[in-house]
Amino acid sequence: MKQLTLIFTYWVYFSLVVITLLQSNFKCQAQELRIPFSDFKSKINDFSSSNGIDLLSIKELPQGYEAVLKLQNARLLMIKIETLPSCGRLAGLAESYLFEGFETKYLQTDLITYLQVQHIESSSCITLSVDSKEDKKQMENILGLTKLLSLLPPEVVWPDLIPVPLRIYSSPIQISFNHSDVEGFIHEVHIVVPRNVDVIQTLKKFSMNYENQDDFIALPNLILVYEGGTFSRLFLEKTDETPIKFTYFIKCE
């Protein structure tokens, strides 16, 4: 038991050191994780009980969730699900490839083996790490047993305030609305969507068919504002699936 405690203490310390060093060079966009903690916890509990694996801890993090489990031979498995911009924070040169259709990174060091999946369907980053040398297939098998790739966020429904032809994207990440304090407008609808080709093409279509002032696009009875800057700049940026935010201002009737 004493040996396990020492290993676990070292694991936590090593993880904190790595994250601290990498975060100094990592620019992270503010984003909420779409997967409920209860869903993550349920998957981890099922994985633990179905495979006879001890669950040591499970908790919420500032940008996601974390579980630590004890595998055979006292190996420790850490599972994290974080916001999508967290992907890429690995301490070394990782092998990049597609796994189950998702961009994936595999990295083996002298101390820890990582498998990280950019799970676009849930706008999350799933990272598995084991404090031993594990081959890629074994890490993929562990991920498969967790069934974390089947996690999907609750459906986000567009409000009727936004007509279907004026909606940016069919499957938004997040939508909220409130009363507007801006003169001439009655409501504000805040929307988060992935920075992808479909979104950009829709916005370009809006900019050609309606009045585009670059800071905003004037749609019928609506004003559309990109919260990250101008539309011309957005059209030049890479479509990397990272979340971006817009606001629809609804005019008074």
C-alpha atoms as a PDB file:
ATOM      1  CA  MET A   1       0.000   0.000   0.000  1.00  0.00           C
ATOM      2  CA  LYS A   2       2.895   2.331   0.829  1.00  0.00           C
ATOM      3  CA  GLN A   3       4.442   1.659  -2.600  1.00  0.00           C
ATOM      4  CA  LEU A   4       1.144   2.432  -4.341  1.00  0.00           C
ATOM      5  CA  THR A   5       0.852   5.702  -2.408  1.00  0.00           C
ATOM      6  CA  LEU A   6       4.351   6.726  -3.453  1.00  0.00           C
ATOM      7  CA  ILE A   7       3.655   5.867  -7.095  1.00  0.00           C
ATOM      8  CA  PHE A   8       0.408   7.796  -7.068  1.00  0.00           C
ATOM      9  CA  THR A   9       2.039  10.819  -5.406  1.00  0.00           C
ATOM     10  CA  TYR A  10       4.794  10.824  -8.043  1.00  0.00           C
ATOM     11  CA  TRP A  11       2.207  10.469 -10.819  1.00  0.00           C
ATOM     12  CA  VAL A  12       0.220  13.489  -9.627  1.00  0.00           C
ATOM     13  CA  TYR A  13       3.387  15.571  -9.159  1.00  0.00           C
ATOM     14  CA  PHE A  14       4.717  14.648 -12.601  1.00  0.00           C
ATOM     15  CA  SER A  15       1.383  15.475 -14.267  1.00  0.00           C
ATOM     16  CA  LEU A  16       1.213  18.876 -12.557  1.00  0.00           C
ATOM     17  CA  VAL A  17       4.770  19.742 -13.601  1.00  0.00           C
ATOM     18  CA  VAL A  18       4.132  18.769 -17.240  1.00  0.00           C
ATOM     19  CA  ILE A  19       0.866  20.706 -17.446  1.00  0.00           C
ATOM     20  CA  THR A  20       2.386  23.797 -15.831  1.00  0.00           C
ATOM     21  CA  LEU A  21       5.285  23.837 -18.294  1.00  0.00           C
ATOM     22  CA  LEU A  22       3.075  23.322 -21.320  1.00  0.00           C
ATOM     23  CA  GLN A  23       0.411  25.838 -20.336  1.00  0.00           C
ATOM     24  CA  SER A  24       2.951  28.660 -20.488  1.00  0.00           C
ATOM     25  CA  ASN A  25       3.034  28.158 -24.283  1.00  0.00           C
ATOM     26  CA  PHE A  26      -0.586  27.144 -24.740  1.00  0.00           C
ATOM     27  CA  LYS A  27      -3.243  29.617 -25.757  1.00  0.00           C
ATOM     28  CA  CYS A  28      -6.620  28.329 -24.664  1.00  0.00           C
ATOM     29  CA  GLN A  29      -9.979  29.625 -25.762  1.00  0.00           C
ATOM     30  CA  ALA A  30     -12.690  29.945 -23.151  1.00  0.00           C
ATOM     31  CA  GLN A  31     -15.128  27.132 -23.681  1.00  0.00           C
ATOM     32  CA  GLU A  32     -17.511  25.002 -21.679  1.00  0.00           C
ATOM     33  CA  LEU A  33     -17.402  21.231 -21.908  1.00  0.00           C
ATOM     34  CA  ARG A  34     -20.579  19.938 -23.533  1.00  0.00           C
ATOM     35  CA  ILE A  35     -20.533  16.500 -21.910  1.00  0.00           C
ATOM     36  CA  PRO A  36     -22.250  16.393 -18.490  1.00  0.00           C
ATOM     37  CA  PHE A  37     -20.088  15.183 -15.610  1.00  0.00           C
ATOM     38  CA  SER A  38     -22.750  12.606 -14.737  1.00  0.00           C
ATOM     39  CA  ASP A  39     -22.339  10.980 -18.177  1.00  0.00           C
ATOM     40  CA  PHE A  40     -18.540  10.821 -17.809  1.00  0.00           C
ATOM     41  CA  LYS A  41     -18.877   9.400 -14.305  1.00  0.00           C
ATOM     42  CA  SER A  42     -21.319   6.743 -15.498  1.00  0.00           C
ATOM     43  CA  LYS A  43     -18.960   5.592 -18.276  1.00  0.00           C
ATOM     44  CA  ILE A  44     -15.997   5.418 -15.897  1.00  0.00           C
ATOM     45  CA  ASN A  45     -17.968   3.491 -13.259  1.00  0.00           C
ATOM     46  CA  ASP A  46     -19.150   0.996 -15.898  1.00  0.00           C
ATOM     47  CA  PHE A  47     -15.587   0.603 -17.217  1.00  0.00           C
ATOM     48  CA  SER A  48     -14.258   0.057 -13.695  1.00  0.00           C
ATOM     49  CA  SER A  49     -16.871  -2.483 -12.589  1.00  0.00           C
ATOM     50  CA  SER A  50     -17.032  -4.400 -15.887  1.00  0.00           C
ATOM     51  CA  ASN A  51     -13.270  -4.932 -16.043  1.00  0.00           C
ATOM     52  CA  GLY A  52     -12.418  -5.405 -12.365  1.00  0.00           C
ATOM     53  CA  ILE A  53     -10.435  -2.170 -12.243  1.00  0.00           C
ATOM     54  CA  ASP A  54     -10.143  -0.110  -9.053  1.00  0.00           C
ATOM     55  CA  LEU A  55     -11.387   3.477  -9.356  1.00  0.00           C
ATOM     56  CA  LEU A  56      -9.148   5.627  -7.155  1.00  0.00           C
ATOM     57  CA  SER A  57     -10.624   9.041  -7.862  1.00  0.00           C
ATOM     58  CA  ILE A  58     -12.943  10.934 -10.168  1.00  0.00           C
ATOM     59  CA  LYS A  59     -13.438  14.688 -10.155  1.00  0.00           C
ATOM     60  CA  GLU A  60     -14.272  17.820 -12.092  1.00  0.00           C
ATOM     61  CA  LEU A  61     -11.493  20.078 -13.376  1.00  0.00           C
ATOM     62  CA  PRO A  62     -11.625  23.765 -14.439  1.00  0.00           C
ATOM     63  CA  GLN A  63     -11.987  22.697 -18.085  1.00  0.00           C
ATOM     64  CA  GLY A  64     -13.101  19.102 -17.843  1.00  0.00           C
ATOM     65  CA  TYR A  65     -13.122  15.882 -15.826  1.00  0.00           C
ATOM     66  CA  GLU A  66     -10.500  13.431 -14.584  1.00  0.00           C
ATOM     67  CA  ALA A  67     -10.494   9.843 -13.340  1.00  0.00           C
ATOM     68  CA  VAL A  68      -7.586   7.814 -11.947  1.00  0.00           C
ATOM     69  CA  LEU A  69      -7.781   4.020 -11.915  1.00  0.00           C
ATOM     70  CA  LYS A  70      -5.423   1.203 -10.872  1.00  0.00           C
ATOM     71  CA  LEU A  71      -4.707  -1.389 -13.554  1.00  0.00           C
ATOM     72  CA  GLN A  72      -2.944  -4.726 -13.112  1.00  0.00           C
ATOM     73  CA  ASN A  73       0.637  -4.674 -11.771  1.00  0.00           C
ATOM     74  CA  ALA A  74      -0.164  -1.412  -9.911  1.00  0.00           C
ATOM     75  CA  ARG A  75      -0.154   0.577 -13.149  1.00  0.00           C
ATOM     76  CA  LEU A  76      -2.100   3.816 -12.943  1.00  0.00           C
ATOM     77  CA  LEU A  77      -4.448   4.951 -15.668  1.00  0.00           C
ATOM     78  CA  MET A  78      -5.494   8.588 -15.857  1.00  0.00           C
ATOM     79  CA  ILE A  79      -8.452   9.491 -18.070  1.00  0.00           C
ATOM     80  CA  LYS A  80      -9.270  13.085 -18.889  1.00  0.00           C
ATOM     81  CA  ILE A  81     -12.006  14.619 -20.963  1.00  0.00           C
ATOM     82  CA  GLU A  82     -11.465  18.327 -21.519  1.00  0.00           C
ATOM     83  CA  THR A  83     -12.479  21.120 -23.853  1.00  0.00           C
ATOM     84  CA  LEU A  84     -11.385  20.696 -27.469  1.00  0.00           C
ATOM     85  CA  PRO A  85      -8.599  23.344 -27.397  1.00  0.00           C
ATOM     86  CA  SER A  86      -6.827  21.211 -24.752  1.00  0.00           C
ATOM     87  CA  CYS A  87      -5.810  18.716 -27.441  1.00  0.00           C
ATOM     88  CA  GLY A  88      -2.131  18.916 -28.341  1.00  0.00           C
ATOM     89  CA  ARG A  89      -0.757  19.342 -24.829  1.00  0.00           C
ATOM     90  CA  LEU A  90       1.589  16.351 -24.831  1.00  0.00           C
ATOM     91  CA  ALA A  91       5.150  16.374 -23.502  1.00  0.00           C
ATOM     92  CA  GLY A  92       6.944  15.205 -26.608  1.00  0.00           C
ATOM     93  CA  LEU A  93       6.743  14.444 -30.311  1.00  0.00           C
ATOM     94  CA  ALA A  94       3.601  12.368 -30.770  1.00  0.00           C
ATOM     95  CA  GLU A  95       2.529  10.153 -33.658  1.00  0.00           C
ATOM     96  CA  SER A  96      -0.587  11.571 -35.334  1.00  0.00           C
ATOM     97  CA  TYR A  97      -3.106   9.353 -37.123  1.00  0.00           C
ATOM     98  CA  LEU A  98      -6.846   8.680 -37.475  1.00  0.00           C
ATOM     99  CA  PHE A  99      -8.570   6.352 -35.016  1.00  0.00           C
ATOM    100  CA  GLU A 100     -12.283   5.632 -35.466  1.00  0.00           C
ATOM    101  CA  GLY A 101     -12.360   8.650 -37.780  1.00  0.00           C
ATOM    102  CA  PHE A 102     -10.938  11.083 -35.209  1.00  0.00           C
ATOM    103  CA  GLU A 103      -7.571  12.844 -35.165  1.00  0.00           C
ATOM    104  CA  THR A 104      -5.488  10.972 -32.607  1.00  0.00           C
ATOM    105  CA  LYS A 105      -2.038  11.306 -31.037  1.00  0.00           C
ATOM    106  CA  TYR A 106       0.014   8.492 -29.521  1.00  0.00           C
ATOM    107  CA  LEU A 107       3.120   9.155 -27.439  1.00  0.00           C
ATOM    108  CA  GLN A 108       5.322   6.777 -25.470  1.00  0.00           C
ATOM    109  CA  THR A 109       7.978   8.104 -23.103  1.00  0.00           C
ATOM    110  CA  ASP A 110      10.218   6.390 -20.548  1.00  0.00           C
ATOM    111  CA  LEU A 111       7.649   7.066 -17.834  1.00  0.00           C
ATOM    112  CA  ILE A 112       4.214   7.545 -19.381  1.00  0.00           C
ATOM    113  CA  THR A 113       2.251   6.483 -22.472  1.00  0.00           C
ATOM    114  CA  TYR A 114      -0.436   8.786 -23.890  1.00  0.00           C
ATOM    115  CA  LEU A 115      -3.347   8.386 -26.274  1.00  0.00           C
ATOM    116  CA  GLN A 116      -5.237  11.580 -27.105  1.00  0.00           C
ATOM    117  CA  VAL A 117      -8.329  11.832 -29.303  1.00  0.00           C
ATOM    118  CA  GLN A 118      -9.834  14.987 -30.764  1.00  0.00           C
ATOM    119  CA  HIS A 119     -13.487  14.027 -30.369  1.00  0.00           C
ATOM    120  CA  ILE A 120     -15.165  16.511 -32.719  1.00  0.00           C
ATOM    121  CA  GLU A 121     -18.654  15.048 -32.226  1.00  0.00           C
ATOM    122  CA  SER A 122     -18.695  16.200 -28.601  1.00  0.00           C
ATOM    123  CA  SER A 123     -16.227  19.105 -29.014  1.00  0.00           C
ATOM    124  CA  SER A 124     -13.990  17.473 -26.414  1.00  0.00           C
ATOM    125  CA  CYS A 125     -10.454  16.162 -26.017  1.00  0.00           C
ATOM    126  CA  ILE A 126     -10.084  12.673 -24.542  1.00  0.00           C
ATOM    127  CA  THR A 127      -6.676  11.797 -23.099  1.00  0.00           C
ATOM    128  CA  LEU A 128      -5.583   8.470 -21.632  1.00  0.00           C
ATOM    129  CA  SER A 129      -2.214   8.136 -19.894  1.00  0.00           C
ATOM    130  CA  VAL A 130      -0.616   5.122 -18.225  1.00  0.00           C
ATOM    131  CA  ASP A 131       2.533   5.237 -16.057  1.00  0.00           C
ATOM    132  CA  SER A 132       4.236   2.499 -18.079  1.00  0.00           C
ATOM    133  CA  LYS A 133       5.249   1.704 -21.636  1.00  0.00           C
ATOM    134  CA  GLU A 134       2.192   0.521 -23.565  1.00  0.00           C
ATOM    135  CA  ASP A 135       1.901  -0.107 -27.290  1.00  0.00           C
ATOM    136  CA  LYS A 136      -0.600   1.824 -29.389  1.00  0.00           C
ATOM    137  CA  LYS A 137      -2.974  -1.115 -29.787  1.00  0.00           C
ATOM    138  CA  GLN A 138      -3.214  -1.634 -26.041  1.00  0.00           C
ATOM    139  CA  MET A 139      -4.024   2.044 -25.473  1.00  0.00           C
ATOM    140  CA  GLU A 140      -6.694   1.877 -28.180  1.00  0.00           C
ATOM    141  CA  ASN A 141      -8.161  -1.233 -26.532  1.00  0.00           C
ATOM    142  CA  ILE A 142      -8.401   0.560 -23.198  1.00  0.00           C
ATOM    143  CA  LEU A 143     -10.118   3.516 -24.839  1.00  0.00           C
ATOM    144  CA  GLY A 144     -12.562   1.172 -26.539  1.00  0.00           C
ATOM    145  CA  LEU A 145     -13.449  -0.455 -23.212  1.00  0.00           C
ATOM    146  CA  THR A 146     -14.242   2.928 -21.660  1.00  0.00           C
ATOM    147  CA  LYS A 147     -16.813   3.627 -24.431  1.00  0.00           C
ATOM    148  CA  LEU A 148     -16.022   7.317 -24.090  1.00  0.00           C
ATOM    149  CA  LEU A 149     -16.195   7.769 -27.871  1.00  0.00           C
ATOM    150  CA  SER A 150     -19.939   7.136 -27.649  1.00  0.00           C
ATOM    151  CA  LEU A 151     -20.477  10.167 -25.415  1.00  0.00           C
ATOM    152  CA  LEU A 152     -22.574  12.835 -27.095  1.00  0.00           C
ATOM    153  CA  PRO A 153     -23.759  16.151 -25.667  1.00  0.00           C
ATOM    154  CA  PRO A 154     -27.440  16.969 -25.158  1.00  0.00           C
ATOM    155  CA  GLU A 155     -29.078  18.326 -28.295  1.00  0.00           C
ATOM    156  CA  VAL A 156     -29.037  22.110 -28.603  1.00  0.00           C
ATOM    157  CA  VAL A 157     -32.259  23.506 -30.049  1.00  0.00           C
ATOM    158  CA  TRP A 158     -32.468  26.729 -32.036  1.00  0.00           C
ATOM    159  CA  PRO A 159     -35.012  29.263 -30.739  1.00  0.00           C
ATOM    160  CA  ASP A 160     -37.855  30.231 -33.057  1.00  0.00           C
ATOM    161  CA  LEU A 161     -36.553  33.810 -32.849  1.00  0.00           C
ATOM    162  CA  ILE A 162     -34.020  32.882 -35.555  1.00  0.00           C
ATOM    163  CA  PRO A 163     -35.651  31.815 -38.867  1.00  0.00           C
ATOM    164  CA  VAL A 164     -34.241  28.599 -40.319  1.00  0.00           C
ATOM    165  CA  PRO A 165     -32.676  30.283 -43.425  1.00  0.00           C
ATOM    166  CA  LEU A 166     -30.770  32.690 -41.154  1.00  0.00           C
ATOM    167  CA  ARG A 167     -29.227  30.076 -38.845  1.00  0.00           C
ATOM    168  CA  ILE A 168     -25.461  29.718 -39.119  1.00  0.00           C
ATOM    169  CA  TYR A 169     -25.186  25.999 -38.429  1.00  0.00           C
ATOM    170  CA  SER A 170     -27.600  23.115 -37.961  1.00  0.00           C
ATOM    171  CA  SER A 171     -25.892  21.639 -34.874  1.00  0.00           C
ATOM    172  CA  PRO A 172     -24.632  24.453 -32.620  1.00  0.00           C
ATOM    173  CA  ILE A 173     -22.527  23.738 -29.564  1.00  0.00           C
ATOM    174  CA  GLN A 174     -24.351  26.143 -27.290  1.00  0.00           C
ATOM    175  CA  ILE A 175     -27.191  28.671 -27.467  1.00  0.00           C
ATOM    176  CA  SER A 176     -28.447  31.165 -24.906  1.00  0.00           C
ATOM    177  CA  PHE A 177     -30.597  34.263 -25.186  1.00  0.00           C
ATOM    178  CA  ASN A 178     -31.614  37.218 -23.073  1.00  0.00           C
ATOM    179  CA  HIS A 179     -33.254  40.627 -23.248  1.00  0.00           C
ATOM    180  CA  SER A 180     -31.154  43.228 -25.087  1.00  0.00           C
ATOM    181  CA  ASP A 181     -30.218  46.604 -23.617  1.00  0.00           C
ATOM    182  CA  VAL A 182     -29.137  47.866 -27.049  1.00  0.00           C
ATOM    183  CA  GLU A 183     -31.500  50.533 -28.359  1.00  0.00           C
ATOM    184  CA  GLY A 184     -33.685  49.275 -31.192  1.00  0.00           C
ATOM    185  CA  PHE A 185     -33.291  45.615 -30.256  1.00  0.00           C
ATOM    186  CA  ILE A 186     -35.377  43.432 -27.988  1.00  0.00           C
ATOM    187  CA  HIS A 187     -33.441  40.143 -27.717  1.00  0.00           C
ATOM    188  CA  GLU A 188     -29.892  38.831 -28.005  1.00  0.00           C
ATOM    189  CA  VAL A 189     -29.205  35.242 -29.040  1.00  0.00           C
ATOM    190  CA  HIS A 190     -25.686  34.026 -28.250  1.00  0.00           C
ATOM    191  CA  ILE A 191     -24.477  31.044 -30.226  1.00  0.00           C
ATOM    192  CA  VAL A 192     -21.303  28.934 -30.164  1.00  0.00           C
ATOM    193  CA  VAL A 193     -20.494  26.882 -33.264  1.00  0.00           C
ATOM    194  CA  PRO A 194     -17.407  25.012 -34.516  1.00  0.00           C
ATOM    195  CA  ARG A 195     -15.044  26.881 -36.812  1.00  0.00           C
ATOM    196  CA  ASN A 196     -15.603  24.607 -39.801  1.00  0.00           C
ATOM    197  CA  VAL A 197     -16.179  24.793 -43.541  1.00  0.00           C
ATOM    198  CA  ASP A 198     -19.984  24.671 -43.295  1.00  0.00           C
ATOM    199  CA  VAL A 199     -20.097  27.630 -40.913  1.00  0.00           C
ATOM    200  CA  ILE A 200     -17.714  29.723 -43.009  1.00  0.00           C
ATOM    201  CA  GLN A 201     -19.576  28.968 -46.244  1.00  0.00           C
ATOM    202  CA  THR A 202     -22.890  29.996 -44.666  1.00  0.00           C
ATOM    203  CA  LEU A 203     -21.388  33.241 -43.386  1.00  0.00           C
ATOM    204  CA  LYS A 204     -19.875  34.007 -46.792  1.00  0.00           C
ATOM    205  CA  LYS A 205     -23.290  33.447 -48.336  1.00  0.00           C
ATOM    206  CA  PHE A 206     -24.827  35.860 -45.816  1.00  0.00           C
ATOM    207  CA  SER A 207     -22.122  38.435 -46.550  1.00  0.00           C
ATOM    208  CA  MET A 208     -22.883  38.300 -50.290  1.00  0.00           C
ATOM    209  CA  ASN A 209     -26.678  38.273 -50.040  1.00  0.00           C
ATOM    210  CA  TYR A 210     -27.115  40.822 -47.262  1.00  0.00           C
ATOM    211  CA  GLU A 211     -25.481  44.044 -46.075  1.00  0.00           C
ATOM    212  CA  ASN A 212     -22.007  43.192 -44.780  1.00  0.00           C
ATOM    213  CA  GLN A 213     -20.330  45.923 -42.720  1.00  0.00           C
ATOM    214  CA  ASP A 214     -17.500  43.553 -41.728  1.00  0.00           C
ATOM    215  CA  ASP A 215     -18.157  44.242 -38.021  1.00  0.00           C
ATOM    216  CA  PHE A 216     -21.666  42.891 -38.520  1.00  0.00           C
ATOM    217  CA  ILE A 217     -24.024  41.493 -41.147  1.00  0.00           C
ATOM    218  CA  ALA A 218     -27.492  43.019 -41.379  1.00  0.00           C
ATOM    219  CA  LEU A 219     -29.987  40.192 -41.890  1.00  0.00           C
ATOM    220  CA  PRO A 220     -33.775  40.635 -42.168  1.00  0.00           C
ATOM    221  CA  ASN A 221     -34.848  41.993 -38.732  1.00  0.00           C
ATOM    222  CA  LEU A 222     -31.536  40.786 -37.298  1.00  0.00           C
ATOM    223  CA  ILE A 223     -27.965  41.940 -36.826  1.00  0.00           C
ATOM    224  CA  LEU A 224     -25.301  39.217 -36.738  1.00  0.00           C
ATOM    225  CA  VAL A 225     -22.038  39.983 -34.916  1.00  0.00           C
ATOM    226  CA  TYR A 226     -18.912  37.819 -34.758  1.00  0.00           C
ATOM    227  CA  GLU A 227     -17.549  38.083 -31.206  1.00  0.00           C
ATOM    228  CA  GLY A 228     -13.986  37.288 -32.288  1.00  0.00           C
ATOM    229  CA  GLY A 229     -13.458  40.287 -34.585  1.00  0.00           C
ATOM    230  CA  THR A 230     -14.354  41.081 -38.185  1.00  0.00           C
ATOM    231  CA  PHE A 231     -15.862  38.724 -40.731  1.00  0.00           C
ATOM    232  CA  SER A 232     -13.090  39.392 -43.249  1.00  0.00           C
ATOM    233  CA  ARG A 233     -10.520  38.221 -40.724  1.00  0.00           C
ATOM    234  CA  LEU A 234     -12.623  35.170 -39.836  1.00  0.00           C
ATOM    235  CA  PHE A 235     -12.770  34.141 -43.507  1.00  0.00           C
ATOM    236  CA  LEU A 236      -8.955  34.030 -43.607  1.00  0.00           C
ATOM    237  CA  GLU A 237      -8.536  31.896 -40.501  1.00  0.00           C
ATOM    238  CA  LYS A 238      -8.047  28.137 -40.481  1.00  0.00           C
ATOM    239  CA  THR A 239     -11.156  25.961 -40.171  1.00  0.00           C
ATOM    240  CA  ASP A 240      -9.870  23.929 -37.241  1.00  0.00           C
ATOM    241  CA  GLU A 241     -13.198  23.105 -35.509  1.00  0.00           C
ATOM    242  CA  THR A 242     -12.406  25.278 -32.481  1.00  0.00           C
ATOM    243  CA  PRO A 243     -15.515  26.945 -31.000  1.00  0.00           C
ATOM    244  CA  ILE A 244     -16.369  30.496 -32.071  1.00  0.00           C
ATOM    245  CA  LYS A 245     -19.103  32.763 -30.787  1.00  0.00           C
ATOM    246  CA  PHE A 246     -21.685  34.970 -32.506  1.00  0.00           C
ATOM    247  CA  THR A 247     -24.557  37.145 -31.341  1.00  0.00           C
ATOM    248  CA  TYR A 248     -27.822  37.737 -33.121  1.00  0.00           C
ATOM    249  CA  PHE A 249     -29.480  41.019 -32.169  1.00  0.00           C
ATOM    250  CA  ILE A 250     -33.250  40.809 -32.695  1.00  0.00           C
ATOM    251  CA  LYS A 251     -34.872  44.080 -33.749  1.00  0.00           C
ATOM    252  CA  CYS A 252     -38.027  45.396 -32.107  1.00  0.00           C
ATOM    253  CA  GLU A 253     -41.162  44.641 -34.069  1.00  0.00           C
END
